[in-house]
Amino acid sequence: MEQPIITAAGGLVQNNEGAFLLIYRRGFWDLPKGKLDLGESIPECAVREVQEETGLQTLDLGPFLCMTTHAYFDPWLQKDVVKETHWYKMNATASISEKLIPQSEEDIEKIEWVPKERLPQYLLQTYPTIRIVFDAFNGGTPKF
């Protein structure tokens, strides 16, 4: 039997200082993302999910970066599914002092602005699909 496909979207967010927004949940550093709502476009979903998961409201949606896929067991559907996540580059246009609020309902424990030079240590504790997003940001070449 074929696995259901879940469509999701998220963002690789940078601030004016060039730092990247990372969230920490379930023991891994991750990027904000989530499932597409009925009637919503994929870019709208990406912005909404970043806002909901981080509390960050001032975002400029940038270009599409890539799509990643991964399989997991969905506890709501009680079956294995494939999640296709559409990733966009985003810019946080407000001050770095804009309050970040981890969405606890999504098990997000903390949110950090990570400077580019510190990114490699965070990427050691993330998912392979997140490294793919950063590689897409770098034009397909791993640089972090």
N, C-alpha and C. Protein backbone atom coordinates (compact mmCIF):
# COMPACT_ATOMS: atom_id res chain seq x y z
N MET A 1 0.84 -1.19 0.00
CA MET A 1 0.00 0.00 0.00
C MET A 1 0.88 1.25 0.00
N GLU A 2 0.54 2.20 -0.83
CA GLU A 2 1.33 3.42 -0.95
C GLU A 2 1.12 4.33 0.26
N GLN A 3 2.22 4.97 0.67
CA GLN A 3 2.15 5.88 1.82
C GLN A 3 1.52 7.20 1.42
N PRO A 4 0.65 7.74 2.29
CA PRO A 4 0.10 9.07 2.01
C PRO A 4 1.20 10.12 1.97
N ILE A 5 1.00 11.14 1.15
CA ILE A 5 1.96 12.24 1.05
C ILE A 5 1.39 13.45 1.78
N ILE A 6 2.16 13.99 2.72
CA ILE A 6 1.80 15.18 3.46
C ILE A 6 2.60 16.35 2.85
N THR A 7 1.92 17.42 2.47
CA THR A 7 2.60 18.60 1.93
C THR A 7 2.85 19.59 3.06
N ALA A 8 4.07 20.09 3.13
CA ALA A 8 4.46 21.04 4.17
C ALA A 8 5.35 22.11 3.55
N ALA A 9 5.60 23.15 4.35
CA ALA A 9 6.48 24.22 3.89
C ALA A 9 7.15 24.86 5.09
N GLY A 10 8.32 25.46 4.82
CA GLY A 10 9.06 26.10 5.90
C GLY A 10 10.04 27.10 5.36
N GLY A 11 10.81 27.67 6.29
CA GLY A 11 11.71 28.72 5.89
C GLY A 11 13.09 28.65 6.48
N LEU A 12 14.05 29.05 5.68
CA LEU A 12 15.42 29.30 6.13
C LEU A 12 15.51 30.81 6.29
N VAL A 13 15.45 31.25 7.55
CA VAL A 13 15.32 32.68 7.86
C VAL A 13 16.68 33.25 8.26
N GLN A 14 17.03 34.39 7.66
CA GLN A 14 18.22 35.14 8.04
C GLN A 14 17.80 36.51 8.51
N ASN A 15 18.55 37.05 9.48
CA ASN A 15 18.29 38.42 9.93
C ASN A 15 19.25 39.39 9.24
N ASN A 16 19.15 40.65 9.56
CA ASN A 16 19.97 41.67 8.91
C ASN A 16 21.46 41.51 9.21
N GLU A 17 21.79 40.78 10.28
CA GLU A 17 23.19 40.53 10.62
C GLU A 17 23.74 39.27 9.95
N GLY A 18 22.87 38.54 9.20
CA GLY A 18 23.30 37.34 8.50
C GLY A 18 23.18 36.06 9.30
N ALA A 19 22.66 36.13 10.53
CA ALA A 19 22.48 34.93 11.36
C ALA A 19 21.24 34.17 10.89
N PHE A 20 21.25 32.86 11.13
CA PHE A 20 20.15 31.98 10.74
C PHE A 20 19.29 31.64 11.96
N LEU A 21 17.99 31.52 11.74
CA LEU A 21 17.04 31.19 12.79
C LEU A 21 16.88 29.67 12.88
N LEU A 22 17.27 29.09 14.00
CA LEU A 22 17.13 27.65 14.21
C LEU A 22 16.25 27.39 15.43
N ILE A 23 15.48 26.32 15.36
CA ILE A 23 14.65 25.91 16.49
C ILE A 23 15.20 24.58 17.02
N TYR A 24 14.98 24.35 18.31
CA TYR A 24 15.44 23.11 18.93
C TYR A 24 14.22 22.35 19.43
N ARG A 25 14.03 21.13 18.90
CA ARG A 25 12.91 20.29 19.36
C ARG A 25 13.30 18.82 19.25
N ARG A 26 12.82 18.09 20.24
CA ARG A 26 13.02 16.63 20.27
C ARG A 26 14.48 16.23 20.09
N GLY A 27 15.38 17.03 20.66
CA GLY A 27 16.80 16.68 20.66
C GLY A 27 17.58 17.06 19.41
N PHE A 28 16.97 17.82 18.51
CA PHE A 28 17.64 18.20 17.27
C PHE A 28 17.42 19.67 16.96
N TRP A 29 18.41 20.28 16.30
CA TRP A 29 18.25 21.62 15.74
C TRP A 29 17.52 21.46 14.41
N ASP A 30 16.58 22.34 14.16
CA ASP A 30 15.69 22.19 13.02
C ASP A 30 15.37 23.57 12.47
N LEU A 31 14.63 23.60 11.38
CA LEU A 31 14.10 24.83 10.81
C LEU A 31 12.58 24.81 10.96
N PRO A 32 11.96 25.98 11.12
CA PRO A 32 10.51 26.00 11.26
C PRO A 32 9.80 25.58 9.98
N LYS A 33 8.82 24.71 10.15
CA LYS A 33 8.07 24.18 9.01
C LYS A 33 6.78 23.55 9.52
N GLY A 34 5.85 23.28 8.63
CA GLY A 34 4.63 22.61 9.04
C GLY A 34 3.73 22.31 7.86
N LYS A 35 2.63 21.65 8.19
CA LYS A 35 1.70 21.13 7.19
C LYS A 35 0.85 22.23 6.56
N LEU A 36 0.57 22.02 5.28
CA LEU A 36 -0.26 22.90 4.49
C LEU A 36 -1.71 22.81 4.97
N ASP A 37 -2.35 23.97 5.18
CA ASP A 37 -3.77 24.03 5.52
C ASP A 37 -4.61 24.05 4.25
N LEU A 38 -5.83 23.57 4.35
CA LEU A 38 -6.76 23.55 3.23
C LEU A 38 -6.96 24.97 2.69
N GLY A 39 -6.83 25.14 1.39
CA GLY A 39 -7.05 26.44 0.75
C GLY A 39 -5.87 27.38 0.80
N GLU A 40 -4.78 26.94 1.38
CA GLU A 40 -3.60 27.79 1.56
C GLU A 40 -2.59 27.48 0.45
N SER A 41 -1.87 28.50 -0.01
CA SER A 41 -0.80 28.26 -0.98
C SER A 41 0.44 27.79 -0.21
N ILE A 42 1.35 27.17 -0.92
CA ILE A 42 2.57 26.67 -0.27
C ILE A 42 3.41 27.83 0.28
N PRO A 43 3.61 28.93 -0.45
CA PRO A 43 4.35 30.06 0.14
C PRO A 43 3.65 30.64 1.38
N GLU A 44 2.32 30.73 1.35
CA GLU A 44 1.58 31.21 2.53
C GLU A 44 1.81 30.30 3.72
N CYS A 45 1.81 29.00 3.48
CA CYS A 45 2.06 28.02 4.53
C CYS A 45 3.44 28.22 5.13
N ALA A 46 4.43 28.43 4.29
CA ALA A 46 5.81 28.60 4.78
C ALA A 46 5.90 29.78 5.73
N VAL A 47 5.32 30.92 5.35
CA VAL A 47 5.37 32.11 6.20
C VAL A 47 4.58 31.87 7.49
N ARG A 48 3.38 31.32 7.38
CA ARG A 48 2.55 31.09 8.56
C ARG A 48 3.25 30.17 9.56
N GLU A 49 3.85 29.10 9.07
CA GLU A 49 4.50 28.14 9.96
C GLU A 49 5.69 28.77 10.68
N VAL A 50 6.49 29.57 9.98
CA VAL A 50 7.61 30.25 10.64
C VAL A 50 7.06 31.18 11.72
N GLN A 51 6.01 31.91 11.40
CA GLN A 51 5.43 32.83 12.38
C GLN A 51 4.89 32.07 13.60
N GLU A 52 4.15 31.00 13.35
CA GLU A 52 3.55 30.24 14.46
C GLU A 52 4.61 29.57 15.34
N GLU A 53 5.62 29.00 14.73
CA GLU A 53 6.59 28.22 15.50
C GLU A 53 7.61 29.09 16.22
N THR A 54 7.79 30.34 15.76
CA THR A 54 8.84 31.17 16.35
C THR A 54 8.35 32.48 16.97
N GLY A 55 7.13 32.90 16.63
CA GLY A 55 6.65 34.19 17.09
C GLY A 55 7.15 35.35 16.25
N LEU A 56 8.05 35.10 15.32
CA LEU A 56 8.61 36.13 14.45
C LEU A 56 7.54 36.57 13.44
N GLN A 57 7.24 37.84 13.41
CA GLN A 57 6.15 38.32 12.56
C GLN A 57 6.61 39.10 11.33
N THR A 58 7.77 39.72 11.39
CA THR A 58 8.22 40.56 10.27
C THR A 58 9.14 39.76 9.36
N LEU A 59 8.54 39.19 8.33
CA LEU A 59 9.27 38.33 7.39
C LEU A 59 9.05 38.79 5.97
N ASP A 60 10.11 38.72 5.18
CA ASP A 60 10.00 38.89 3.74
C ASP A 60 10.25 37.54 3.11
N LEU A 61 9.28 37.06 2.34
CA LEU A 61 9.42 35.79 1.65
C LEU A 61 10.36 35.96 0.47
N GLY A 62 11.36 35.11 0.42
CA GLY A 62 12.32 35.13 -0.67
C GLY A 62 12.07 33.99 -1.64
N PRO A 63 13.10 33.59 -2.38
CA PRO A 63 12.94 32.57 -3.40
C PRO A 63 12.80 31.16 -2.82
N PHE A 64 12.19 30.30 -3.62
CA PHE A 64 12.11 28.88 -3.32
C PHE A 64 13.53 28.32 -3.34
N LEU A 65 13.87 27.50 -2.34
CA LEU A 65 15.21 26.91 -2.27
C LEU A 65 15.23 25.47 -2.77
N CYS A 66 14.34 24.62 -2.26
CA CYS A 66 14.35 23.21 -2.61
C CYS A 66 13.14 22.52 -1.98
N MET A 67 12.97 21.26 -2.32
CA MET A 67 11.97 20.43 -1.66
C MET A 67 12.70 19.22 -1.08
N THR A 68 12.36 18.87 0.15
CA THR A 68 12.92 17.67 0.76
C THR A 68 11.79 16.69 1.06
N THR A 69 12.14 15.42 1.15
CA THR A 69 11.16 14.40 1.53
C THR A 69 11.74 13.53 2.62
N HIS A 70 10.87 13.11 3.52
CA HIS A 70 11.27 12.11 4.51
C HIS A 70 10.03 11.35 4.96
N ALA A 71 10.24 10.11 5.37
CA ALA A 71 9.15 9.26 5.84
C ALA A 71 9.17 9.22 7.36
N TYR A 72 7.98 9.13 7.94
CA TYR A 72 7.87 9.02 9.40
C TYR A 72 6.51 8.43 9.74
N PHE A 73 6.35 8.02 10.98
CA PHE A 73 5.08 7.51 11.47
C PHE A 73 4.26 8.68 11.99
N ASP A 74 3.08 8.88 11.43
CA ASP A 74 2.21 9.97 11.85
C ASP A 74 1.26 9.45 12.94
N PRO A 75 1.39 9.96 14.17
CA PRO A 75 0.54 9.45 15.26
C PRO A 75 -0.94 9.79 15.08
N TRP A 76 -1.25 10.87 14.35
CA TRP A 76 -2.65 11.23 14.12
C TRP A 76 -3.31 10.28 13.12
N LEU A 77 -2.58 9.97 12.05
CA LEU A 77 -3.11 9.06 11.03
C LEU A 77 -2.89 7.59 11.39
N GLN A 78 -1.99 7.36 12.35
CA GLN A 78 -1.64 6.00 12.77
C GLN A 78 -1.09 5.17 11.61
N LYS A 79 -0.24 5.82 10.80
CA LYS A 79 0.40 5.10 9.69
C LYS A 79 1.65 5.85 9.25
N ASP A 80 2.47 5.16 8.48
CA ASP A 80 3.65 5.77 7.90
C ASP A 80 3.22 6.71 6.77
N VAL A 81 3.87 7.87 6.71
CA VAL A 81 3.57 8.86 5.67
C VAL A 81 4.88 9.38 5.10
N VAL A 82 4.79 10.05 3.97
CA VAL A 82 5.93 10.75 3.38
C VAL A 82 5.60 12.24 3.44
N LYS A 83 6.52 13.02 4.01
CA LYS A 83 6.33 14.48 4.07
C LYS A 83 7.20 15.13 3.01
N GLU A 84 6.56 15.90 2.13
CA GLU A 84 7.27 16.71 1.13
C GLU A 84 7.25 18.14 1.64
N THR A 85 8.44 18.66 1.98
CA THR A 85 8.53 20.01 2.52
C THR A 85 9.15 20.94 1.50
N HIS A 86 8.45 22.04 1.22
CA HIS A 86 8.90 23.07 0.29
C HIS A 86 9.57 24.16 1.12
N TRP A 87 10.83 24.46 0.79
CA TRP A 87 11.63 25.39 1.58
C TRP A 87 11.84 26.70 0.85
N TYR A 88 11.71 27.80 1.60
CA TYR A 88 11.90 29.15 1.05
C TYR A 88 12.94 29.90 1.87
N LYS A 89 13.69 30.74 1.18
CA LYS A 89 14.57 31.69 1.85
C LYS A 89 13.69 32.81 2.37
N MET A 90 13.93 33.25 3.60
CA MET A 90 13.17 34.36 4.18
C MET A 90 14.13 35.30 4.88
N ASN A 91 13.74 36.56 4.94
CA ASN A 91 14.51 37.56 5.66
C ASN A 91 13.65 38.12 6.79
N ALA A 92 14.25 38.17 7.98
CA ALA A 92 13.61 38.81 9.11
C ALA A 92 13.99 40.28 9.03
N THR A 93 12.99 41.13 8.86
CA THR A 93 13.27 42.53 8.58
C THR A 93 13.24 43.42 9.80
N ALA A 94 12.76 42.89 10.93
CA ALA A 94 12.72 43.71 12.15
C ALA A 94 14.07 43.61 12.86
N SER A 95 14.16 44.32 13.91
CA SER A 95 15.36 44.29 14.74
C SER A 95 15.60 42.89 15.29
N ILE A 96 16.85 42.57 15.54
CA ILE A 96 17.19 41.28 16.14
C ILE A 96 16.53 41.14 17.52
N SER A 97 16.05 42.25 18.07
CA SER A 97 15.43 42.22 19.39
C SER A 97 13.96 41.78 19.36
N GLU A 98 13.40 41.53 18.15
CA GLU A 98 12.01 41.06 18.10
C GLU A 98 11.90 39.77 18.92
N LYS A 99 10.91 39.72 19.78
CA LYS A 99 10.77 38.59 20.72
C LYS A 99 10.44 37.30 19.98
N LEU A 100 11.24 36.27 20.27
CA LEU A 100 11.01 34.94 19.71
C LEU A 100 10.27 34.11 20.75
N ILE A 101 9.22 33.42 20.32
CA ILE A 101 8.40 32.63 21.24
C ILE A 101 8.32 31.20 20.72
N PRO A 102 9.01 30.25 21.36
CA PRO A 102 8.94 28.85 20.93
C PRO A 102 7.51 28.31 21.07
N GLN A 103 7.00 27.68 20.03
CA GLN A 103 5.66 27.09 20.07
C GLN A 103 5.73 25.77 20.84
N SER A 104 5.37 25.82 22.11
CA SER A 104 5.50 24.65 22.98
C SER A 104 4.60 23.49 22.54
N GLU A 105 3.46 23.79 21.90
CA GLU A 105 2.57 22.72 21.43
C GLU A 105 3.26 21.86 20.36
N GLU A 106 4.27 22.41 19.72
CA GLU A 106 5.04 21.68 18.71
C GLU A 106 6.36 21.17 19.28
N ASP A 107 6.46 21.13 20.61
CA ASP A 107 7.65 20.64 21.32
C ASP A 107 8.91 21.46 21.05
N ILE A 108 8.75 22.72 20.67
CA ILE A 108 9.91 23.57 20.44
C ILE A 108 10.36 24.11 21.78
N GLU A 109 11.61 23.78 22.13
CA GLU A 109 12.15 24.16 23.44
C GLU A 109 12.85 25.51 23.41
N LYS A 110 13.56 25.79 22.30
CA LYS A 110 14.27 27.06 22.21
C LYS A 110 14.48 27.45 20.75
N ILE A 111 14.76 28.74 20.59
CA ILE A 111 15.01 29.32 19.27
C ILE A 111 16.26 30.16 19.39
N GLU A 112 17.15 30.06 18.40
CA GLU A 112 18.38 30.85 18.44
C GLU A 112 18.70 31.44 17.08
N TRP A 113 19.26 32.65 17.12
CA TRP A 113 19.88 33.24 15.93
C TRP A 113 21.32 32.74 15.94
N VAL A 114 21.70 31.99 14.91
CA VAL A 114 23.02 31.37 14.85
C VAL A 114 23.86 32.06 13.78
N PRO A 115 24.98 32.69 14.19
CA PRO A 115 25.88 33.30 13.20
C PRO A 115 26.46 32.22 12.28
N LYS A 116 26.72 32.61 11.04
CA LYS A 116 27.22 31.67 10.04
C LYS A 116 28.45 30.88 10.52
N GLU A 117 29.36 31.55 11.23
CA GLU A 117 30.59 30.87 11.66
C GLU A 117 30.32 29.80 12.73
N ARG A 118 29.20 29.86 13.43
CA ARG A 118 28.87 28.85 14.45
C ARG A 118 27.95 27.76 13.91
N LEU A 119 27.47 27.92 12.68
CA LEU A 119 26.51 26.98 12.10
C LEU A 119 27.00 25.53 12.03
N PRO A 120 28.26 25.25 11.68
CA PRO A 120 28.69 23.86 11.57
C PRO A 120 28.43 23.02 12.82
N GLN A 121 28.63 23.58 14.00
CA GLN A 121 28.40 22.79 15.22
C GLN A 121 26.91 22.48 15.40
N TYR A 122 26.02 23.36 14.97
CA TYR A 122 24.58 23.10 15.06
C TYR A 122 24.16 22.04 14.05
N LEU A 123 24.76 22.09 12.86
CA LEU A 123 24.38 21.14 11.81
C LEU A 123 24.84 19.71 12.12
N LEU A 124 25.72 19.54 13.09
CA LEU A 124 26.09 18.19 13.52
C LEU A 124 24.93 17.53 14.26
N GLN A 125 24.03 18.34 14.79
CA GLN A 125 22.92 17.83 15.59
C GLN A 125 21.58 18.20 14.92
N THR A 126 21.49 17.88 13.63
CA THR A 126 20.26 18.15 12.88
C THR A 126 19.96 16.97 11.97
N TYR A 127 18.90 17.10 11.21
CA TYR A 127 18.48 16.03 10.28
C TYR A 127 19.16 16.21 8.93
N PRO A 128 19.36 15.13 8.19
CA PRO A 128 19.97 15.25 6.86
C PRO A 128 19.20 16.20 5.93
N THR A 129 17.88 16.22 6.03
CA THR A 129 17.10 17.10 5.16
C THR A 129 17.39 18.58 5.44
N ILE A 130 17.71 18.91 6.68
CA ILE A 130 18.02 20.31 7.02
C ILE A 130 19.36 20.71 6.40
N ARG A 131 20.31 19.79 6.39
CA ARG A 131 21.59 20.07 5.72
C ARG A 131 21.38 20.28 4.22
N ILE A 132 20.43 19.56 3.64
CA ILE A 132 20.11 19.73 2.21
C ILE A 132 19.60 21.15 1.95
N VAL A 133 18.78 21.68 2.86
CA VAL A 133 18.26 23.05 2.70
C VAL A 133 19.41 24.06 2.73
N PHE A 134 20.33 23.89 3.67
CA PHE A 134 21.48 24.81 3.72
C PHE A 134 22.36 24.66 2.47
N ASP A 135 22.51 23.44 1.98
CA ASP A 135 23.26 23.24 0.74
C ASP A 135 22.58 23.94 -0.44
N ALA A 136 21.25 23.88 -0.49
CA ALA A 136 20.52 24.57 -1.55
C ALA A 136 20.71 26.07 -1.44
N PHE A 137 20.72 26.58 -0.24
CA PHE A 137 20.97 28.01 0.00
C PHE A 137 22.35 28.41 -0.54
N ASN A 138 23.31 27.49 -0.41
CA ASN A 138 24.68 27.74 -0.88
C ASN A 138 24.90 27.34 -2.33
N GLY A 139 23.82 27.21 -3.09
CA GLY A 139 23.94 26.88 -4.51
C GLY A 139 24.25 25.42 -4.76
N GLY A 140 23.91 24.54 -3.81
CA GLY A 140 24.11 23.11 -3.98
C GLY A 140 25.44 22.62 -3.45
N THR A 141 26.27 23.51 -2.96
CA THR A 141 27.58 23.13 -2.46
C THR A 141 27.60 23.20 -0.94
N PRO A 142 27.92 22.09 -0.25
CA PRO A 142 28.00 22.16 1.20
C PRO A 142 29.11 23.14 1.61
N LYS A 143 28.77 24.12 2.45
CA LYS A 143 29.75 25.10 2.88
C LYS A 143 29.78 25.25 4.40
N PHE A 144 28.86 24.61 5.08
CA PHE A 144 28.81 24.78 6.53
C PHE A 144 29.19 23.48 7.21
